[in-house]
Amino acid sequence: MTNKRGNGMTLIHLAVASPVIRLRVGKIYHTFEMHSYCGPMRLYADGETVNDNSWSENSSFWPVFQKWLKQGARVDECGRGIVSEGD
């Protein structure tokens, strides 16, 4: 396939949205997209992107997130992360 410049190269970018997940940390739900290569990308509750799309290193999100991953990163039918008390 030749593009308008005639160099025979055409760039195609496919963006695949990751599932939106809500993970409960204490009494607060954290909303994020889980990317296989970037990890969790923080979102507002309505699914819009947060300018600072990560959590601080000392955030209470990380221990719960790590536990969620260790337990198989399960999600219920409403998109909520399932974390068991044990483990």
PDB file of N, CA and C in Angstrom:
ATOM      1  N   MET A   1       0.847  -1.177   0.000  1.00  0.00           N
ATOM      2  CA  MET A   1       0.000   0.000   0.000  1.00  0.00           C
ATOM      3  C   MET A   1       0.888   1.233   0.000  1.00  0.00           C
ATOM      4  N   THR A   2       0.649   2.154  -0.907  1.00  0.00           N
ATOM      5  CA  THR A   2       1.436   3.379  -1.001  1.00  0.00           C
ATOM      6  C   THR A   2       0.605   4.551  -0.504  1.00  0.00           C
ATOM      7  N   ASN A   3       1.215   5.358   0.377  1.00  0.00           N
ATOM      8  CA  ASN A   3       0.492   6.529   0.869  1.00  0.00           C
ATOM      9  C   ASN A   3       0.700   7.713  -0.063  1.00  0.00           C
ATOM     10  N   LYS A   4       0.173   8.892   0.288  1.00  0.00           N
ATOM     11  CA  LYS A   4       0.252  10.080  -0.573  1.00  0.00           C
ATOM     12  C   LYS A   4       1.676  10.535  -0.820  1.00  0.00           C
ATOM     13  N   ARG A   5       2.573  10.225   0.095  1.00  0.00           N
ATOM     14  CA  ARG A   5       3.968  10.629  -0.079  1.00  0.00           C
ATOM     15  C   ARG A   5       4.711   9.660  -0.999  1.00  0.00           C
ATOM     16  N   GLY A   6       4.104   8.529  -1.288  1.00  0.00           N
ATOM     17  CA  GLY A   6       4.710   7.583  -2.207  1.00  0.00           C
ATOM     18  C   GLY A   6       5.800   6.717  -1.601  1.00  0.00           C
ATOM     19  N   ASN A   7       5.925   6.705  -0.266  1.00  0.00           N
ATOM     20  CA  ASN A   7       7.010   5.920   0.317  1.00  0.00           C
ATOM     21  C   ASN A   7       6.599   4.493   0.679  1.00  0.00           C
ATOM     22  N   GLY A   8       5.370   4.123   0.374  1.00  0.00           N
ATOM     23  CA  GLY A   8       4.945   2.749   0.582  1.00  0.00           C
ATOM     24  C   GLY A   8       4.626   2.389   2.027  1.00  0.00           C
ATOM     25  N   MET A   9       4.688   3.330   2.936  1.00  0.00           N
ATOM     26  CA  MET A   9       4.415   3.042   4.339  1.00  0.00           C
ATOM     27  C   MET A   9       3.161   3.779   4.797  1.00  0.00           C
ATOM     28  N   THR A  10       2.282   3.076   5.450  1.00  0.00           N
ATOM     29  CA  THR A  10       1.085   3.669   6.027  1.00  0.00           C
ATOM     30  C   THR A  10       1.031   3.251   7.482  1.00  0.00           C
ATOM     31  N   LEU A  11       0.877   4.218   8.354  1.00  0.00           N
ATOM     32  CA  LEU A  11       0.800   3.941   9.783  1.00  0.00           C
ATOM     33  C   LEU A  11      -0.657   3.768  10.179  1.00  0.00           C
ATOM     34  N   ILE A  12      -0.940   2.672  10.831  1.00  0.00           N
ATOM     35  CA  ILE A  12      -2.278   2.420  11.341  1.00  0.00           C
ATOM     36  C   ILE A  12      -2.156   2.257  12.846  1.00  0.00           C
ATOM     37  N   HIS A  13      -2.937   3.025  13.585  1.00  0.00           N
ATOM     38  CA  HIS A  13      -2.919   2.951  15.046  1.00  0.00           C
ATOM     39  C   HIS A  13      -4.249   2.391  15.524  1.00  0.00           C
ATOM     40  N   LEU A  14      -4.195   1.292  16.252  1.00  0.00           N
ATOM     41  CA  LEU A  14      -5.398   0.709  16.827  1.00  0.00           C
ATOM     42  C   LEU A  14      -5.327   0.882  18.338  1.00  0.00           C
ATOM     43  N   ALA A  15      -6.316   1.514  18.913  1.00  0.00           N
ATOM     44  CA  ALA A  15      -6.375   1.685  20.356  1.00  0.00           C
ATOM     45  C   ALA A  15      -7.489   0.790  20.889  1.00  0.00           C
ATOM     46  N   VAL A  16      -7.120  -0.101  21.769  1.00  0.00           N
ATOM     47  CA  VAL A  16      -8.098  -1.008  22.350  1.00  0.00           C
ATOM     48  C   VAL A  16      -8.313  -0.586  23.791  1.00  0.00           C
ATOM     49  N   ALA A  17      -9.530  -0.224  24.110  1.00  0.00           N
ATOM     50  CA  ALA A  17      -9.838   0.203  25.470  1.00  0.00           C
ATOM     51  C   ALA A  17      -9.768  -0.983  26.418  1.00  0.00           C
ATOM     52  N   SER A  18      -9.222  -0.723  27.572  1.00  0.00           N
ATOM     53  CA  SER A  18      -9.159  -1.745  28.611  1.00  0.00           C
ATOM     54  C   SER A  18     -10.431  -1.687  29.438  1.00  0.00           C
ATOM     55  N   PRO A  19     -10.753  -2.758  30.143  1.00  0.00           N
ATOM     56  CA  PRO A  19     -11.961  -2.726  30.963  1.00  0.00           C
ATOM     57  C   PRO A  19     -11.834  -1.726  32.102  1.00  0.00           C
ATOM     58  N   VAL A  20     -12.931  -1.070  32.427  1.00  0.00           N
ATOM     59  CA  VAL A  20     -12.972  -0.145  33.557  1.00  0.00           C
ATOM     60  C   VAL A  20     -13.336  -0.956  34.794  1.00  0.00           C
ATOM     61  N   ILE A  21     -12.533  -0.808  35.840  1.00  0.00           N
ATOM     62  CA  ILE A  21     -12.700  -1.586  37.059  1.00  0.00           C
ATOM     63  C   ILE A  21     -12.846  -0.635  38.242  1.00  0.00           C
ATOM     64  N   ARG A  22     -13.701  -1.011  39.174  1.00  0.00           N
ATOM     65  CA  ARG A  22     -13.867  -0.263  40.428  1.00  0.00           C
ATOM     66  C   ARG A  22     -13.399  -1.168  41.557  1.00  0.00           C
ATOM     67  N   LEU A  23     -12.404  -0.700  42.311  1.00  0.00           N
ATOM     68  CA  LEU A  23     -11.830  -1.488  43.392  1.00  0.00           C
ATOM     69  C   LEU A  23     -12.058  -0.758  44.705  1.00  0.00           C
ATOM     70  N   ARG A  24     -12.684  -1.437  45.649  1.00  0.00           N
ATOM     71  CA  ARG A  24     -13.009  -0.814  46.930  1.00  0.00           C
ATOM     72  C   ARG A  24     -11.804  -0.855  47.860  1.00  0.00           C
ATOM     73  N   VAL A  25     -11.439   0.334  48.366  1.00  0.00           N
ATOM     74  CA  VAL A  25     -10.360   0.474  49.339  1.00  0.00           C
ATOM     75  C   VAL A  25     -10.980   1.188  50.537  1.00  0.00           C
ATOM     76  N   GLY A  26     -11.225   0.443  51.601  1.00  0.00           N
ATOM     77  CA  GLY A  26     -11.957   1.007  52.741  1.00  0.00           C
ATOM     78  C   GLY A  26     -13.383   1.301  52.314  1.00  0.00           C
ATOM     79  N   LYS A  27     -13.796   2.560  52.451  1.00  0.00           N
ATOM     80  CA  LYS A  27     -15.152   2.961  52.067  1.00  0.00           C
ATOM     81  C   LYS A  27     -15.196   3.627  50.691  1.00  0.00           C
ATOM     82  N   ILE A  28     -14.049   3.721  50.027  1.00  0.00           N
ATOM     83  CA  ILE A  28     -13.944   4.447  48.757  1.00  0.00           C
ATOM     84  C   ILE A  28     -13.684   3.476  47.605  1.00  0.00           C
ATOM     85  N   TYR A  29     -14.372   3.688  46.489  1.00  0.00           N
ATOM     86  CA  TYR A  29     -14.093   2.931  45.274  1.00  0.00           C
ATOM     87  C   TYR A  29     -13.114   3.718  44.413  1.00  0.00           C
ATOM     88  N   HIS A  30     -12.073   3.046  43.941  1.00  0.00           N
ATOM     89  CA  HIS A  30     -11.117   3.638  43.004  1.00  0.00           C
ATOM     90  C   HIS A  30     -11.447   3.077  41.624  1.00  0.00           C
ATOM     91  N   THR A  31     -11.586   3.953  40.650  1.00  0.00           N
ATOM     92  CA  THR A  31     -11.944   3.558  39.294  1.00  0.00           C
ATOM     93  C   THR A  31     -10.695   3.637  38.423  1.00  0.00           C
ATOM     94  N   PHE A  32     -10.458   2.594  37.616  1.00  0.00           N
ATOM     95  CA  PHE A  32      -9.270   2.584  36.759  1.00  0.00           C
ATOM     96  C   PHE A  32      -9.477   1.664  35.569  1.00  0.00           C
ATOM     97  N   GLU A  33      -8.655   1.877  34.548  1.00  0.00           N
ATOM     98  CA  GLU A  33      -8.541   0.940  33.429  1.00  0.00           C
ATOM     99  C   GLU A  33      -7.309   0.101  33.698  1.00  0.00           C
ATOM    100  N   MET A  34      -7.404  -1.180  33.483  1.00  0.00           N
ATOM    101  CA  MET A  34      -6.272  -2.069  33.703  1.00  0.00           C
ATOM    102  C   MET A  34      -5.610  -2.375  32.378  1.00  0.00           C
ATOM    103  N   HIS A  35      -4.414  -1.832  32.176  1.00  0.00           N
ATOM    104  CA  HIS A  35      -3.659  -2.058  30.948  1.00  0.00           C
ATOM    105  C   HIS A  35      -2.599  -3.128  31.199  1.00  0.00           C
ATOM    106  N   SER A  36      -2.486  -4.064  30.304  1.00  0.00           N
ATOM    107  CA  SER A  36      -1.527  -5.157  30.482  1.00  0.00           C
ATOM    108  C   SER A  36      -0.087  -4.656  30.469  1.00  0.00           C
ATOM    109  N   TYR A  37       0.193  -3.559  29.796  1.00  0.00           N
ATOM    110  CA  TYR A  37       1.564  -3.049  29.705  1.00  0.00           C
ATOM    111  C   TYR A  37       1.804  -1.826  30.574  1.00  0.00           C
ATOM    112  N   CYS A  38       0.781  -1.078  30.962  1.00  0.00           N
ATOM    113  CA  CYS A  38       0.955   0.130  31.782  1.00  0.00           C
ATOM    114  C   CYS A  38       0.487  -0.058  33.216  1.00  0.00           C
ATOM    115  N   GLY A  39      -0.291  -1.092  33.480  1.00  0.00           N
ATOM    116  CA  GLY A  39      -0.868  -1.256  34.800  1.00  0.00           C
ATOM    117  C   GLY A  39      -2.130  -0.427  34.938  1.00  0.00           C
ATOM    118  N   PRO A  40      -2.536  -0.125  36.166  1.00  0.00           N
ATOM    119  CA  PRO A  40      -3.789   0.605  36.369  1.00  0.00           C
ATOM    120  C   PRO A  40      -3.646   2.087  36.020  1.00  0.00           C
ATOM    121  N   MET A  41      -4.598   2.607  35.267  1.00  0.00           N
ATOM    122  CA  MET A  41      -4.637   4.027  34.893  1.00  0.00           C
ATOM    123  C   MET A  41      -5.877   4.631  35.544  1.00  0.00           C
ATOM    124  N   ARG A  42      -5.652   5.527  36.498  1.00  0.00           N
ATOM    125  CA  ARG A  42      -6.733   6.089  37.315  1.00  0.00           C
ATOM    126  C   ARG A  42      -7.730   6.881  36.485  1.00  0.00           C
ATOM    127  N   LEU A  43      -9.011   6.711  36.807  1.00  0.00           N
ATOM    128  CA  LEU A  43     -10.101   7.413  36.135  1.00  0.00           C
ATOM    129  C   LEU A  43     -11.013   8.051  37.180  1.00  0.00           C
ATOM    130  N   TYR A  44     -11.776   9.049  36.750  1.00  0.00           N
ATOM    131  CA  TYR A  44     -12.858   9.555  37.586  1.00  0.00           C
ATOM    132  C   TYR A  44     -13.955   8.499  37.603  1.00  0.00           C
ATOM    133  N   ALA A  45     -14.878   8.599  38.554  1.00  0.00           N
ATOM    134  CA  ALA A  45     -15.956   7.614  38.686  1.00  0.00           C
ATOM    135  C   ALA A  45     -16.797   7.495  37.422  1.00  0.00           C
ATOM    136  N   ASP A  46     -16.888   8.591  36.637  1.00  0.00           N
ATOM    137  CA  ASP A  46     -17.680   8.545  35.402  1.00  0.00           C
ATOM    138  C   ASP A  46     -16.895   7.985  34.219  1.00  0.00           C
ATOM    139  N   GLY A  47     -15.642   7.555  34.462  1.00  0.00           N
ATOM    140  CA  GLY A  47     -14.830   6.951  33.411  1.00  0.00           C
ATOM    141  C   GLY A  47     -13.923   7.906  32.676  1.00  0.00           C
ATOM    142  N   GLU A  48     -13.992   9.189  32.994  1.00  0.00           N
ATOM    143  CA  GLU A  48     -13.110  10.173  32.347  1.00  0.00           C
ATOM    144  C   GLU A  48     -11.694  10.070  32.913  1.00  0.00           C
ATOM    145  N   THR A  49     -10.713  10.388  32.099  1.00  0.00           N
ATOM    146  CA  THR A  49      -9.314  10.306  32.491  1.00  0.00           C
ATOM    147  C   THR A  49      -8.948  11.400  33.494  1.00  0.00           C
ATOM    148  N   VAL A  50      -8.202  11.015  34.503  1.00  0.00           N
ATOM    149  CA  VAL A  50      -7.678  11.944  35.498  1.00  0.00           C
ATOM    150  C   VAL A  50      -6.346  12.475  34.972  1.00  0.00           C
ATOM    151  N   ASN A  51      -6.085  13.781  35.133  1.00  0.00           N
ATOM    152  CA  ASN A  51      -4.820  14.348  34.651  1.00  0.00           C
ATOM    153  C   ASN A  51      -3.623  13.623  35.247  1.00  0.00           C
ATOM    154  N   ASP A  52      -3.623  13.430  36.550  1.00  0.00           N
ATOM    155  CA  ASP A  52      -2.562  12.667  37.213  1.00  0.00           C
ATOM    156  C   ASP A  52      -3.096  11.251  37.360  1.00  0.00           C
ATOM    157  N   ASN A  53      -2.835  10.396  36.373  1.00  0.00           N
ATOM    158  CA  ASN A  53      -3.548   9.122  36.290  1.00  0.00           C
ATOM    159  C   ASN A  53      -2.915   7.958  37.051  1.00  0.00           C
ATOM    160  N   SER A  54      -2.156   8.269  38.086  1.00  0.00           N
ATOM    161  CA  SER A  54      -1.607   7.216  38.921  1.00  0.00           C
ATOM    162  C   SER A  54      -1.785   7.608  40.385  1.00  0.00           C
ATOM    163  N   TRP A  55      -1.535   6.673  41.266  1.00  0.00           N
ATOM    164  CA  TRP A  55      -1.639   6.913  42.696  1.00  0.00           C
ATOM    165  C   TRP A  55      -0.243   7.128  43.258  1.00  0.00           C
ATOM    166  N   SER A  56      -0.147   7.868  44.347  1.00  0.00           N
ATOM    167  CA  SER A  56       1.156   8.072  44.993  1.00  0.00           C
ATOM    168  C   SER A  56       1.653   6.729  45.536  1.00  0.00           C
ATOM    169  N   GLU A  57       2.957   6.639  45.750  1.00  0.00           N
ATOM    170  CA  GLU A  57       3.550   5.386  46.213  1.00  0.00           C
ATOM    171  C   GLU A  57       2.978   4.917  47.540  1.00  0.00           C
ATOM    172  N   ASN A  58       2.606   5.850  48.416  1.00  0.00           N
ATOM    173  CA  ASN A  58       2.115   5.478  49.744  1.00  0.00           C
ATOM    174  C   ASN A  58       0.587   5.431  49.827  1.00  0.00           C
ATOM    175  N   SER A  59      -0.082   5.399  48.682  1.00  0.00           N
ATOM    176  CA  SER A  59      -1.541   5.348  48.644  1.00  0.00           C
ATOM    177  C   SER A  59      -2.053   4.022  49.205  1.00  0.00           C
ATOM    178  N   SER A  60      -3.189   4.081  49.886  1.00  0.00           N
ATOM    179  CA  SER A  60      -3.818   2.859  50.405  1.00  0.00           C
ATOM    180  C   SER A  60      -4.369   1.984  49.271  1.00  0.00           C
ATOM    181  N   PHE A  61      -4.377   2.509  48.053  1.00  0.00           N
ATOM    182  CA  PHE A  61      -4.829   1.741  46.883  1.00  0.00           C
ATOM    183  C   PHE A  61      -3.907   0.548  46.608  1.00  0.00           C
ATOM    184  N   TRP A  62      -2.591   0.750  46.709  1.00  0.00           N
ATOM    185  CA  TRP A  62      -1.631  -0.254  46.255  1.00  0.00           C
ATOM    186  C   TRP A  62      -1.707  -1.596  46.986  1.00  0.00           C
ATOM    187  N   PRO A  63      -1.800  -1.634  48.329  1.00  0.00           N
ATOM    188  CA  PRO A  63      -1.911  -2.958  48.968  1.00  0.00           C
ATOM    189  C   PRO A  63      -3.163  -3.736  48.532  1.00  0.00           C
ATOM    190  N   VAL A  64      -4.277  -3.032  48.383  1.00  0.00           N
ATOM    191  CA  VAL A  64      -5.511  -3.697  47.946  1.00  0.00           C
ATOM    192  C   VAL A  64      -5.370  -4.136  46.487  1.00  0.00           C
ATOM    193  N   PHE A  65      -4.787  -3.290  45.655  1.00  0.00           N
ATOM    194  CA  PHE A  65      -4.568  -3.630  44.248  1.00  0.00           C
ATOM    195  C   PHE A  65      -3.672  -4.868  44.130  1.00  0.00           C
ATOM    196  N   GLN A  66      -2.579  -4.908  44.894  1.00  0.00           N
ATOM    197  CA  GLN A  66      -1.660  -6.057  44.852  1.00  0.00           C
ATOM    198  C   GLN A  66      -2.375  -7.337  45.303  1.00  0.00           C
ATOM    199  N   LYS A  67      -3.212  -7.215  46.325  1.00  0.00           N
ATOM    200  CA  LYS A  67      -3.985  -8.368  46.793  1.00  0.00           C
ATOM    201  C   LYS A  67      -4.964  -8.826  45.716  1.00  0.00           C
ATOM    202  N   TRP A  68      -5.604  -7.868  45.034  1.00  0.00           N
ATOM    203  CA  TRP A  68      -6.535  -8.171  43.954  1.00  0.00           C
ATOM    204  C   TRP A  68      -5.809  -8.932  42.840  1.00  0.00           C
ATOM    205  N   LEU A  69      -4.620  -8.474  42.459  1.00  0.00           N
ATOM    206  CA  LEU A  69      -3.831  -9.168  41.434  1.00  0.00           C
ATOM    207  C   LEU A  69      -3.473 -10.580  41.881  1.00  0.00           C
ATOM    208  N   LYS A  70      -2.998 -10.698  43.128  1.00  0.00           N
ATOM    209  CA  LYS A  70      -2.579 -11.994  43.663  1.00  0.00           C
ATOM    210  C   LYS A  70      -3.735 -12.992  43.678  1.00  0.00           C
ATOM    211  N   GLN A  71      -4.944 -12.482  43.899  1.00  0.00           N
ATOM    212  CA  GLN A  71      -6.117 -13.357  43.954  1.00  0.00           C
ATOM    213  C   GLN A  71      -6.742 -13.600  42.579  1.00  0.00           C
ATOM    214  N   GLY A  72      -6.086 -13.177  41.519  1.00  0.00           N
ATOM    215  CA  GLY A  72      -6.548 -13.502  40.172  1.00  0.00           C
ATOM    216  C   GLY A  72      -7.222 -12.379  39.421  1.00  0.00           C
ATOM    217  N   ALA A  73      -7.205 -11.154  39.970  1.00  0.00           N
ATOM    218  CA  ALA A  73      -7.776  -9.974  39.300  1.00  0.00           C
ATOM    219  C   ALA A  73      -9.205 -10.232  38.824  1.00  0.00           C
ATOM    220  N   ARG A  74     -10.008 -10.811  39.706  1.00  0.00           N
ATOM    221  CA  ARG A  74     -11.388 -11.133  39.354  1.00  0.00           C
ATOM    222  C   ARG A  74     -12.273  -9.888  39.422  1.00  0.00           C
ATOM    223  N   VAL A  75     -13.278  -9.863  38.573  1.00  0.00           N
ATOM    224  CA  VAL A  75     -14.215  -8.740  38.491  1.00  0.00           C
ATOM    225  C   VAL A  75     -15.625  -9.303  38.423  1.00  0.00           C
ATOM    226  N   ASP A  76     -16.561  -8.671  39.149  1.00  0.00           N
ATOM    227  CA  ASP A  76     -17.947  -9.137  39.084  1.00  0.00           C
ATOM    228  C   ASP A  76     -18.649  -8.563  37.850  1.00  0.00           C
ATOM    229  N   GLU A  77     -19.929  -8.891  37.679  1.00  0.00           N
ATOM    230  CA  GLU A  77     -20.678  -8.471  36.492  1.00  0.00           C
ATOM    231  C   GLU A  77     -20.882  -6.956  36.408  1.00  0.00           C
ATOM    232  N   CYS A  78     -20.644  -6.244  37.503  1.00  0.00           N
ATOM    233  CA  CYS A  78     -20.790  -4.773  37.516  1.00  0.00           C
ATOM    234  C   CYS A  78     -19.455  -4.062  37.362  1.00  0.00           C
ATOM    235  N   GLY A  79     -18.369  -4.806  37.144  1.00  0.00           N
ATOM    236  CA  GLY A  79     -17.054  -4.197  36.957  1.00  0.00           C
ATOM    237  C   GLY A  79     -16.323  -3.889  38.250  1.00  0.00           C
ATOM    238  N   ARG A  80     -16.774  -4.468  39.365  1.00  0.00           N
ATOM    239  CA  ARG A  80     -16.111  -4.253  40.643  1.00  0.00           C
ATOM    240  C   ARG A  80     -15.087  -5.355  40.881  1.00  0.00           C
ATOM    241  N   GLY A  81     -13.893  -4.949  41.309  1.00  0.00           N
ATOM    242  CA  GLY A  81     -12.864  -5.922  41.632  1.00  0.00           C
ATOM    243  C   GLY A  81     -13.247  -6.739  42.848  1.00  0.00           C
ATOM    244  N   ILE A  82     -13.003  -8.036  42.800  1.00  0.00           N
ATOM    245  CA  ILE A  82     -13.344  -8.932  43.899  1.00  0.00           C
ATOM    246  C   ILE A  82     -12.073  -9.240  44.683  1.00  0.00           C
ATOM    247  N   VAL A  83     -12.080  -8.856  45.962  1.00  0.00           N
ATOM    248  CA  VAL A  83     -10.950  -9.127  46.843  1.00  0.00           C
ATOM    249  C   VAL A  83     -11.479  -9.832  48.076  1.00  0.00           C
ATOM    250  N   SER A  84     -10.974 -11.036  48.343  1.00  0.00           N
ATOM    251  CA  SER A  84     -11.381 -11.798  49.515  1.00  0.00           C
ATOM    252  C   SER A  84     -10.610 -11.306  50.733  1.00  0.00           C
ATOM    253  N   GLU A  85     -11.234 -11.418  51.899  1.00  0.00           N
ATOM    254  CA  GLU A  85     -10.601 -10.960  53.149  1.00  0.00           C
ATOM    255  C   GLU A  85      -9.355 -11.747  53.490  1.00  0.00           C
ATOM    256  N   GLY A  86      -9.344 -13.038  53.277  1.00  0.00           N
ATOM    257  CA  GLY A  86      -8.172 -13.853  53.591  1.00  0.00           C
ATOM    258  C   GLY A  86      -7.030 -13.580  52.639  1.00  0.00           C
ATOM    259  N   ASP A  87      -5.837 -14.136  52.984  1.00  0.00           N
ATOM    260  CA  ASP A  87      -4.675 -14.022  52.090  1.00  0.00           C
ATOM    261  C   ASP A  87      -3.978 -12.719  52.290  1.00  0.00           C
TER     262      ASP A  87
END
